[in-house]
Amino acid sequence: MPTPSHSSRVITLTGAGLLAVFVGVCAGLTDIANNVRLFQLAYTIGFAGYGLLALCIYRRRLSGSWSIWFIGCVIARLAIIHTVPSDDLYRYLWEGRIQIAGHNPYTIAPDDPELASLRDADWQHINHPDYTAIYPPLAQMTFFAIAHVTPTLYS
């Protein structure tokens, strides 16, 4: 019969292995939008691994657990840092920028001629430029705050 420490090691190694699969798949992707199903499968596998590691940490069976957790999070993030971001990010920044300029994203769509002076190279990536904002007020406040910090996606 396995000892608690043996089962913890098995759970930890399984969780780490599943996360490694996620990291490996994401490291090979350059455009998630064209590989959505593969990314979703890898994400599900990685989430299961994350859950197993969280279980070990929750039960406090893993020595140095918080440092391992942090390192794992950094590695998982670095694996997808080079991928093409969702076009939603362009929309978020656009809506924050027009708020800074004094416009209401709920009443004016990105392709409105009144906003032509605010358009930059990122504007062409905005999805559904003929629709006004659909994101709730708290999200809009977040977009506003982020646009104050960085007005473009790659600044």
N, C-alpha and C. Protein backbone atom coordinates (compact mmCIF):
# COMPACT_ATOMS: atom_id res chain seq x y z
N MET A 1 0.85 -1.19 0.00
CA MET A 1 0.00 0.00 0.00
C MET A 1 0.89 1.24 0.00
N PRO A 2 0.59 2.20 -0.91
CA PRO A 2 1.43 3.38 -1.00
C PRO A 2 1.33 4.25 0.25
N THR A 3 2.45 4.85 0.63
CA THR A 3 2.46 5.77 1.76
C THR A 3 1.95 7.13 1.30
N PRO A 4 1.51 7.97 2.24
CA PRO A 4 1.05 9.31 1.85
C PRO A 4 2.11 10.09 1.07
N SER A 5 3.38 9.94 1.45
CA SER A 5 4.41 10.68 0.74
C SER A 5 4.57 10.14 -0.68
N HIS A 6 4.40 8.83 -0.86
CA HIS A 6 4.49 8.25 -2.20
C HIS A 6 3.33 8.75 -3.07
N SER A 7 2.12 8.76 -2.52
CA SER A 7 0.98 9.23 -3.31
C SER A 7 1.11 10.72 -3.64
N SER A 8 1.67 11.49 -2.72
CA SER A 8 1.89 12.92 -3.00
C SER A 8 2.87 13.10 -4.14
N ARG A 9 3.92 12.30 -4.14
CA ARG A 9 4.89 12.39 -5.22
C ARG A 9 4.27 12.00 -6.56
N VAL A 10 3.45 10.98 -6.56
CA VAL A 10 2.79 10.55 -7.80
C VAL A 10 1.85 11.64 -8.30
N ILE A 11 1.07 12.21 -7.39
CA ILE A 11 0.14 13.28 -7.77
C ILE A 11 0.92 14.49 -8.28
N THR A 12 2.00 14.84 -7.58
CA THR A 12 2.82 15.98 -7.98
C THR A 12 3.45 15.77 -9.35
N LEU A 13 4.03 14.60 -9.56
CA LEU A 13 4.66 14.32 -10.85
C LEU A 13 3.63 14.26 -11.97
N THR A 14 2.46 13.71 -11.68
CA THR A 14 1.40 13.67 -12.69
C THR A 14 0.95 15.08 -13.03
N GLY A 15 0.72 15.88 -12.00
CA GLY A 15 0.33 17.27 -12.24
C GLY A 15 1.37 18.04 -13.01
N ALA A 16 2.63 17.88 -12.63
CA ALA A 16 3.71 18.56 -13.34
C ALA A 16 3.82 18.07 -14.78
N GLY A 17 3.63 16.78 -14.98
CA GLY A 17 3.67 16.23 -16.34
C GLY A 17 2.56 16.79 -17.21
N LEU A 18 1.36 16.89 -16.65
CA LEU A 18 0.23 17.44 -17.41
C LEU A 18 0.47 18.91 -17.74
N LEU A 19 1.02 19.65 -16.79
CA LEU A 19 1.37 21.04 -17.06
C LEU A 19 2.46 21.14 -18.12
N ALA A 20 3.40 20.21 -18.09
CA ALA A 20 4.47 20.21 -19.10
C ALA A 20 3.89 19.97 -20.49
N VAL A 21 2.86 19.14 -20.60
CA VAL A 21 2.21 18.93 -21.90
C VAL A 21 1.62 20.25 -22.39
N PHE A 22 0.93 20.95 -21.50
CA PHE A 22 0.35 22.25 -21.86
C PHE A 22 1.43 23.22 -22.31
N VAL A 23 2.50 23.33 -21.53
CA VAL A 23 3.58 24.24 -21.86
C VAL A 23 4.21 23.87 -23.20
N GLY A 24 4.42 22.58 -23.43
CA GLY A 24 5.02 22.13 -24.68
C GLY A 24 4.17 22.45 -25.89
N VAL A 25 2.87 22.20 -25.78
CA VAL A 25 1.96 22.50 -26.90
C VAL A 25 1.94 24.00 -27.16
N CYS A 26 1.81 24.79 -26.10
CA CYS A 26 1.75 26.25 -26.26
C CYS A 26 3.05 26.82 -26.81
N ALA A 27 4.16 26.23 -26.42
CA ALA A 27 5.45 26.71 -26.93
C ALA A 27 5.55 26.50 -28.43
N GLY A 28 4.85 25.51 -28.95
CA GLY A 28 4.87 25.24 -30.38
C GLY A 28 3.84 26.03 -31.17
N LEU A 29 2.88 26.64 -30.49
CA LEU A 29 1.85 27.42 -31.19
C LEU A 29 2.35 28.84 -31.43
N THR A 30 2.08 29.36 -32.60
CA THR A 30 2.38 30.76 -32.84
C THR A 30 1.11 31.58 -33.00
N ASP A 31 0.01 30.91 -33.28
CA ASP A 31 -1.26 31.62 -33.46
C ASP A 31 -2.38 30.76 -32.89
N ILE A 32 -2.81 31.10 -31.69
CA ILE A 32 -3.86 30.33 -31.03
C ILE A 32 -5.16 30.38 -31.83
N ALA A 33 -5.45 31.51 -32.46
CA ALA A 33 -6.70 31.67 -33.21
C ALA A 33 -6.85 30.64 -34.32
N ASN A 34 -5.75 30.20 -34.90
CA ASN A 34 -5.82 29.20 -35.96
C ASN A 34 -5.67 27.77 -35.44
N ASN A 35 -5.51 27.62 -34.14
CA ASN A 35 -5.35 26.31 -33.52
C ASN A 35 -6.17 26.21 -32.24
N VAL A 36 -7.40 26.70 -32.30
CA VAL A 36 -8.23 26.81 -31.10
C VAL A 36 -8.48 25.45 -30.45
N ARG A 37 -8.83 24.45 -31.22
CA ARG A 37 -9.13 23.13 -30.64
C ARG A 37 -7.91 22.52 -29.95
N LEU A 38 -6.76 22.63 -30.58
CA LEU A 38 -5.54 22.11 -29.97
C LEU A 38 -5.23 22.86 -28.68
N PHE A 39 -5.38 24.18 -28.71
CA PHE A 39 -5.13 24.97 -27.51
C PHE A 39 -6.11 24.59 -26.41
N GLN A 40 -7.39 24.42 -26.74
CA GLN A 40 -8.38 24.06 -25.73
C GLN A 40 -8.07 22.69 -25.11
N LEU A 41 -7.65 21.74 -25.93
CA LEU A 41 -7.29 20.43 -25.42
C LEU A 41 -6.08 20.55 -24.49
N ALA A 42 -5.05 21.26 -24.92
CA ALA A 42 -3.86 21.45 -24.09
C ALA A 42 -4.21 22.20 -22.81
N TYR A 43 -5.08 23.18 -22.90
CA TYR A 43 -5.49 23.95 -21.73
C TYR A 43 -6.20 23.05 -20.73
N THR A 44 -7.07 22.18 -21.22
CA THR A 44 -7.79 21.25 -20.35
C THR A 44 -6.81 20.31 -19.64
N ILE A 45 -5.85 19.81 -20.38
CA ILE A 45 -4.83 18.93 -19.80
C ILE A 45 -4.02 19.70 -18.76
N GLY A 46 -3.60 20.92 -19.09
CA GLY A 46 -2.84 21.74 -18.15
C GLY A 46 -3.65 22.10 -16.92
N PHE A 47 -4.94 22.36 -17.11
CA PHE A 47 -5.80 22.70 -15.98
C PHE A 47 -5.91 21.52 -15.02
N ALA A 48 -5.99 20.31 -15.57
CA ALA A 48 -6.02 19.11 -14.72
C ALA A 48 -4.72 19.01 -13.91
N GLY A 49 -3.60 19.26 -14.56
CA GLY A 49 -2.32 19.23 -13.86
C GLY A 49 -2.25 20.29 -12.78
N TYR A 50 -2.72 21.47 -13.11
CA TYR A 50 -2.76 22.58 -12.15
C TYR A 50 -3.61 22.18 -10.95
N GLY A 51 -4.74 21.54 -11.21
CA GLY A 51 -5.62 21.10 -10.14
C GLY A 51 -4.96 20.08 -9.23
N LEU A 52 -4.23 19.14 -9.81
CA LEU A 52 -3.52 18.14 -9.00
C LEU A 52 -2.46 18.80 -8.12
N LEU A 53 -1.72 19.76 -8.68
CA LEU A 53 -0.73 20.47 -7.88
C LEU A 53 -1.39 21.30 -6.79
N ALA A 54 -2.51 21.91 -7.11
CA ALA A 54 -3.25 22.69 -6.11
C ALA A 54 -3.72 21.78 -4.98
N LEU A 55 -4.15 20.57 -5.32
CA LEU A 55 -4.58 19.61 -4.31
C LEU A 55 -3.43 19.29 -3.35
N CYS A 56 -2.25 19.06 -3.90
CA CYS A 56 -1.09 18.78 -3.05
C CYS A 56 -0.75 19.96 -2.16
N ILE A 57 -0.81 21.14 -2.71
CA ILE A 57 -0.50 22.33 -1.91
C ILE A 57 -1.57 22.53 -0.84
N TYR A 58 -2.83 22.33 -1.22
CA TYR A 58 -3.92 22.49 -0.26
C TYR A 58 -3.77 21.52 0.91
N ARG A 59 -3.35 20.32 0.61
CA ARG A 59 -3.14 19.31 1.66
C ARG A 59 -1.78 19.47 2.35
N ARG A 60 -0.99 20.41 1.88
CA ARG A 60 0.33 20.72 2.43
C ARG A 60 1.24 19.50 2.47
N ARG A 61 1.17 18.75 1.41
CA ARG A 61 2.02 17.57 1.31
C ARG A 61 3.25 17.82 0.46
N LEU A 62 3.37 18.99 -0.08
CA LEU A 62 4.45 19.27 -1.00
C LEU A 62 5.39 20.28 -0.35
N SER A 63 6.60 19.88 -0.04
CA SER A 63 7.53 20.81 0.60
C SER A 63 7.93 21.89 -0.39
N GLY A 64 8.07 23.12 0.10
CA GLY A 64 8.40 24.24 -0.77
C GLY A 64 7.29 24.53 -1.77
N SER A 65 6.06 24.24 -1.39
CA SER A 65 4.94 24.26 -2.33
C SER A 65 4.70 25.61 -2.98
N TRP A 66 4.82 26.70 -2.23
CA TRP A 66 4.51 28.00 -2.84
C TRP A 66 5.56 28.40 -3.85
N SER A 67 6.81 28.07 -3.60
CA SER A 67 7.84 28.40 -4.59
C SER A 67 7.65 27.55 -5.84
N ILE A 68 7.29 26.29 -5.67
CA ILE A 68 7.02 25.43 -6.83
C ILE A 68 5.82 25.96 -7.61
N TRP A 69 4.79 26.37 -6.89
CA TRP A 69 3.58 26.92 -7.50
C TRP A 69 3.93 28.16 -8.33
N PHE A 70 4.70 29.08 -7.74
CA PHE A 70 5.07 30.31 -8.42
C PHE A 70 5.90 30.02 -9.66
N ILE A 71 6.89 29.17 -9.53
CA ILE A 71 7.74 28.83 -10.68
C ILE A 71 6.90 28.19 -11.79
N GLY A 72 5.98 27.33 -11.43
CA GLY A 72 5.09 26.71 -12.42
C GLY A 72 4.24 27.73 -13.14
N CYS A 73 3.72 28.71 -12.40
CA CYS A 73 2.91 29.76 -13.03
C CYS A 73 3.74 30.59 -14.00
N VAL A 74 4.95 30.91 -13.63
CA VAL A 74 5.83 31.70 -14.51
C VAL A 74 6.15 30.90 -15.77
N ILE A 75 6.47 29.63 -15.62
CA ILE A 75 6.79 28.79 -16.78
C ILE A 75 5.59 28.67 -17.71
N ALA A 76 4.40 28.46 -17.15
CA ALA A 76 3.20 28.34 -17.98
C ALA A 76 2.94 29.65 -18.73
N ARG A 77 3.16 30.78 -18.09
CA ARG A 77 2.96 32.08 -18.76
C ARG A 77 3.99 32.31 -19.85
N LEU A 78 5.23 31.98 -19.58
CA LEU A 78 6.28 32.16 -20.57
C LEU A 78 6.06 31.30 -21.81
N ALA A 79 5.39 30.17 -21.62
CA ALA A 79 5.15 29.28 -22.75
C ALA A 79 4.26 29.91 -23.80
N ILE A 80 3.37 30.80 -23.41
CA ILE A 80 2.45 31.39 -24.38
C ILE A 80 2.72 32.86 -24.65
N ILE A 81 3.82 33.38 -24.16
CA ILE A 81 4.09 34.81 -24.31
C ILE A 81 4.31 35.21 -25.77
N HIS A 82 4.79 34.31 -26.59
CA HIS A 82 5.08 34.64 -27.99
C HIS A 82 3.88 34.45 -28.92
N THR A 83 2.77 33.94 -28.41
CA THR A 83 1.62 33.69 -29.27
C THR A 83 0.92 35.00 -29.63
N VAL A 84 0.21 34.99 -30.73
CA VAL A 84 -0.54 36.16 -31.19
C VAL A 84 -1.72 36.37 -30.23
N PRO A 85 -1.87 37.58 -29.69
CA PRO A 85 -2.96 37.81 -28.75
C PRO A 85 -4.32 37.82 -29.45
N SER A 86 -5.34 37.64 -28.66
CA SER A 86 -6.70 37.71 -29.16
C SER A 86 -6.98 39.12 -29.66
N ASP A 87 -7.80 39.23 -30.71
CA ASP A 87 -8.12 40.57 -31.21
C ASP A 87 -8.99 41.34 -30.21
N ASP A 88 -9.49 40.67 -29.19
CA ASP A 88 -10.25 41.37 -28.15
C ASP A 88 -9.37 42.40 -27.44
N LEU A 89 -8.09 42.10 -27.31
CA LEU A 89 -7.20 43.04 -26.61
C LEU A 89 -7.15 44.39 -27.31
N TYR A 90 -7.20 44.38 -28.64
CA TYR A 90 -7.20 45.64 -29.38
C TYR A 90 -8.48 46.43 -29.06
N ARG A 91 -9.57 45.71 -28.95
CA ARG A 91 -10.85 46.35 -28.64
C ARG A 91 -10.81 46.96 -27.23
N TYR A 92 -10.27 46.22 -26.27
CA TYR A 92 -10.20 46.72 -24.90
C TYR A 92 -9.41 48.03 -24.84
N LEU A 93 -8.26 48.04 -25.47
CA LEU A 93 -7.44 49.26 -25.45
C LEU A 93 -8.10 50.40 -26.20
N TRP A 94 -8.76 50.08 -27.31
CA TRP A 94 -9.45 51.11 -28.07
C TRP A 94 -10.52 51.76 -27.21
N GLU A 95 -11.32 50.95 -26.53
CA GLU A 95 -12.40 51.51 -25.71
C GLU A 95 -11.85 52.33 -24.55
N GLY A 96 -10.72 51.92 -23.99
CA GLY A 96 -10.08 52.73 -22.96
C GLY A 96 -9.57 54.05 -23.51
N ARG A 97 -8.97 54.01 -24.70
CA ARG A 97 -8.43 55.22 -25.31
C ARG A 97 -9.53 56.21 -25.67
N ILE A 98 -10.65 55.74 -26.18
CA ILE A 98 -11.70 56.70 -26.53
C ILE A 98 -12.35 57.30 -25.29
N GLN A 99 -12.36 56.55 -24.20
CA GLN A 99 -12.85 57.13 -22.95
C GLN A 99 -11.94 58.26 -22.48
N ILE A 100 -10.63 58.04 -22.60
CA ILE A 100 -9.67 59.08 -22.23
C ILE A 100 -9.91 60.33 -23.07
N ALA A 101 -10.28 60.14 -24.34
CA ALA A 101 -10.54 61.27 -25.24
C ALA A 101 -11.93 61.88 -25.01
N GLY A 102 -12.69 61.34 -24.07
CA GLY A 102 -13.99 61.92 -23.72
C GLY A 102 -15.19 61.32 -24.43
N HIS A 103 -15.03 60.18 -25.06
CA HIS A 103 -16.14 59.54 -25.76
C HIS A 103 -16.69 58.38 -24.94
N ASN A 104 -17.94 58.06 -25.20
CA ASN A 104 -18.62 56.96 -24.51
C ASN A 104 -18.65 55.74 -25.44
N PRO A 105 -17.98 54.64 -25.10
CA PRO A 105 -17.95 53.48 -25.99
C PRO A 105 -19.31 52.79 -26.15
N TYR A 106 -20.26 53.12 -25.27
CA TYR A 106 -21.60 52.54 -25.40
C TYR A 106 -22.44 53.27 -26.44
N THR A 107 -22.02 54.47 -26.82
CA THR A 107 -22.84 55.26 -27.76
C THR A 107 -22.18 55.48 -29.12
N ILE A 108 -20.91 55.13 -29.25
CA ILE A 108 -20.21 55.39 -30.50
C ILE A 108 -19.36 54.17 -30.88
N ALA A 109 -19.54 53.71 -32.09
CA ALA A 109 -18.80 52.54 -32.58
C ALA A 109 -17.41 52.94 -33.07
N PRO A 110 -16.45 52.01 -33.05
CA PRO A 110 -15.09 52.35 -33.47
C PRO A 110 -14.98 52.91 -34.90
N ASP A 111 -15.88 52.50 -35.80
CA ASP A 111 -15.75 52.99 -37.18
C ASP A 111 -16.47 54.31 -37.42
N ASP A 112 -16.99 54.93 -36.37
CA ASP A 112 -17.65 56.23 -36.50
C ASP A 112 -16.62 57.27 -36.97
N PRO A 113 -16.96 58.06 -37.99
CA PRO A 113 -16.02 59.07 -38.51
C PRO A 113 -15.54 60.06 -37.45
N GLU A 114 -16.33 60.27 -36.42
CA GLU A 114 -15.95 61.20 -35.35
C GLU A 114 -14.68 60.73 -34.62
N LEU A 115 -14.38 59.44 -34.68
CA LEU A 115 -13.22 58.88 -33.99
C LEU A 115 -12.01 58.70 -34.90
N ALA A 116 -12.10 59.16 -36.13
CA ALA A 116 -11.02 58.95 -37.11
C ALA A 116 -9.67 59.47 -36.62
N SER A 117 -9.67 60.55 -35.90
CA SER A 117 -8.40 61.12 -35.43
C SER A 117 -7.72 60.27 -34.36
N LEU A 118 -8.46 59.35 -33.74
CA LEU A 118 -7.90 58.50 -32.69
C LEU A 118 -7.34 57.18 -33.23
N ARG A 119 -7.56 56.91 -34.50
CA ARG A 119 -7.14 55.63 -35.07
C ARG A 119 -5.63 55.58 -35.25
N ASP A 120 -5.07 54.40 -34.96
CA ASP A 120 -3.65 54.16 -35.17
C ASP A 120 -3.50 52.81 -35.89
N ALA A 121 -2.29 52.29 -35.94
CA ALA A 121 -2.05 51.02 -36.65
C ALA A 121 -2.82 49.86 -36.02
N ASP A 122 -3.07 49.91 -34.72
CA ASP A 122 -3.80 48.83 -34.05
C ASP A 122 -5.29 48.85 -34.37
N TRP A 123 -5.80 49.96 -34.85
CA TRP A 123 -7.24 50.09 -35.09
C TRP A 123 -7.74 49.05 -36.09
N GLN A 124 -6.95 48.71 -37.07
CA GLN A 124 -7.38 47.74 -38.09
C GLN A 124 -7.63 46.35 -37.51
N HIS A 125 -7.14 46.07 -36.32
CA HIS A 125 -7.31 44.76 -35.70
C HIS A 125 -8.57 44.67 -34.82
N ILE A 126 -9.29 45.76 -34.67
CA ILE A 126 -10.47 45.76 -33.80
C ILE A 126 -11.57 44.92 -34.44
N ASN A 127 -12.11 44.00 -33.63
CA ASN A 127 -13.19 43.17 -34.13
C ASN A 127 -14.52 43.94 -34.07
N HIS A 128 -15.37 43.70 -35.02
CA HIS A 128 -16.71 44.32 -35.11
C HIS A 128 -16.67 45.83 -34.91
N PRO A 129 -15.94 46.55 -35.77
CA PRO A 129 -15.82 48.00 -35.58
C PRO A 129 -17.14 48.75 -35.76
N ASP A 130 -18.15 48.08 -36.28
CA ASP A 130 -19.45 48.73 -36.47
C ASP A 130 -20.36 48.59 -35.25
N TYR A 131 -19.90 47.90 -34.20
CA TYR A 131 -20.71 47.72 -32.98
C TYR A 131 -20.18 48.60 -31.86
N THR A 132 -21.10 49.12 -31.06
CA THR A 132 -20.68 49.84 -29.85
C THR A 132 -20.27 48.81 -28.80
N ALA A 133 -19.80 49.30 -27.67
CA ALA A 133 -19.28 48.43 -26.61
C ALA A 133 -20.33 47.46 -26.07
N ILE A 134 -19.86 46.27 -25.73
CA ILE A 134 -20.74 45.27 -25.11
C ILE A 134 -20.26 44.89 -23.72
N TYR A 135 -19.06 45.36 -23.35
CA TYR A 135 -18.49 44.96 -22.07
C TYR A 135 -19.10 45.78 -20.94
N PRO A 136 -19.27 45.18 -19.76
CA PRO A 136 -19.94 45.87 -18.65
C PRO A 136 -19.10 47.02 -18.08
N PRO A 137 -19.73 47.87 -17.27
CA PRO A 137 -19.05 49.07 -16.76
C PRO A 137 -17.74 48.81 -16.01
N LEU A 138 -17.66 47.76 -15.20
CA LEU A 138 -16.42 47.50 -14.48
C LEU A 138 -15.29 47.17 -15.47
N ALA A 139 -15.62 46.44 -16.51
CA ALA A 139 -14.63 46.15 -17.55
C ALA A 139 -14.20 47.45 -18.23
N GLN A 140 -15.15 48.32 -18.51
CA GLN A 140 -14.82 49.59 -19.16
C GLN A 140 -13.91 50.44 -18.27
N MET A 141 -14.15 50.41 -16.97
CA MET A 141 -13.26 51.15 -16.06
C MET A 141 -11.85 50.56 -16.09
N THR A 142 -11.77 49.24 -16.21
CA THR A 142 -10.47 48.58 -16.30
C THR A 142 -9.77 48.98 -17.60
N PHE A 143 -10.50 48.98 -18.72
CA PHE A 143 -9.91 49.39 -20.00
C PHE A 143 -9.40 50.82 -19.93
N PHE A 144 -10.17 51.69 -19.29
CA PHE A 144 -9.80 53.09 -19.11
C PHE A 144 -8.48 53.20 -18.34
N ALA A 145 -8.38 52.44 -17.24
CA ALA A 145 -7.17 52.47 -16.42
C ALA A 145 -5.97 51.92 -17.18
N ILE A 146 -6.15 50.83 -17.90
CA ILE A 146 -5.05 50.23 -18.65
C ILE A 146 -4.59 51.16 -19.77
N ALA A 147 -5.53 51.82 -20.44
CA ALA A 147 -5.17 52.74 -21.52
C ALA A 147 -4.35 53.92 -21.00
N HIS A 148 -4.52 54.27 -19.75
CA HIS A 148 -3.69 55.33 -19.14
C HIS A 148 -2.26 54.84 -18.98
N VAL A 149 -2.08 53.55 -18.71
CA VAL A 149 -0.74 52.98 -18.51
C VAL A 149 -0.06 52.72 -19.84
N THR A 150 -0.80 52.08 -20.76
CA THR A 150 -0.22 51.76 -22.07
C THR A 150 -1.30 51.94 -23.14
N PRO A 151 -1.16 52.92 -24.00
CA PRO A 151 -2.19 53.18 -25.02
C PRO A 151 -2.20 52.22 -26.19
N THR A 152 -1.15 51.40 -26.35
CA THR A 152 -1.11 50.42 -27.42
C THR A 152 -0.75 49.06 -26.87
N LEU A 153 -1.01 48.04 -27.66
CA LEU A 153 -0.77 46.68 -27.20
C LEU A 153 0.70 46.37 -27.02
N TYR A 154 1.54 46.93 -27.87
CA TYR A 154 2.97 46.62 -27.83
C TYR A 154 3.82 47.83 -27.49
N SER A 155 3.42 48.62 -26.52
CA SER A 155 4.23 49.80 -26.18
C SER A 155 5.25 49.49 -25.13
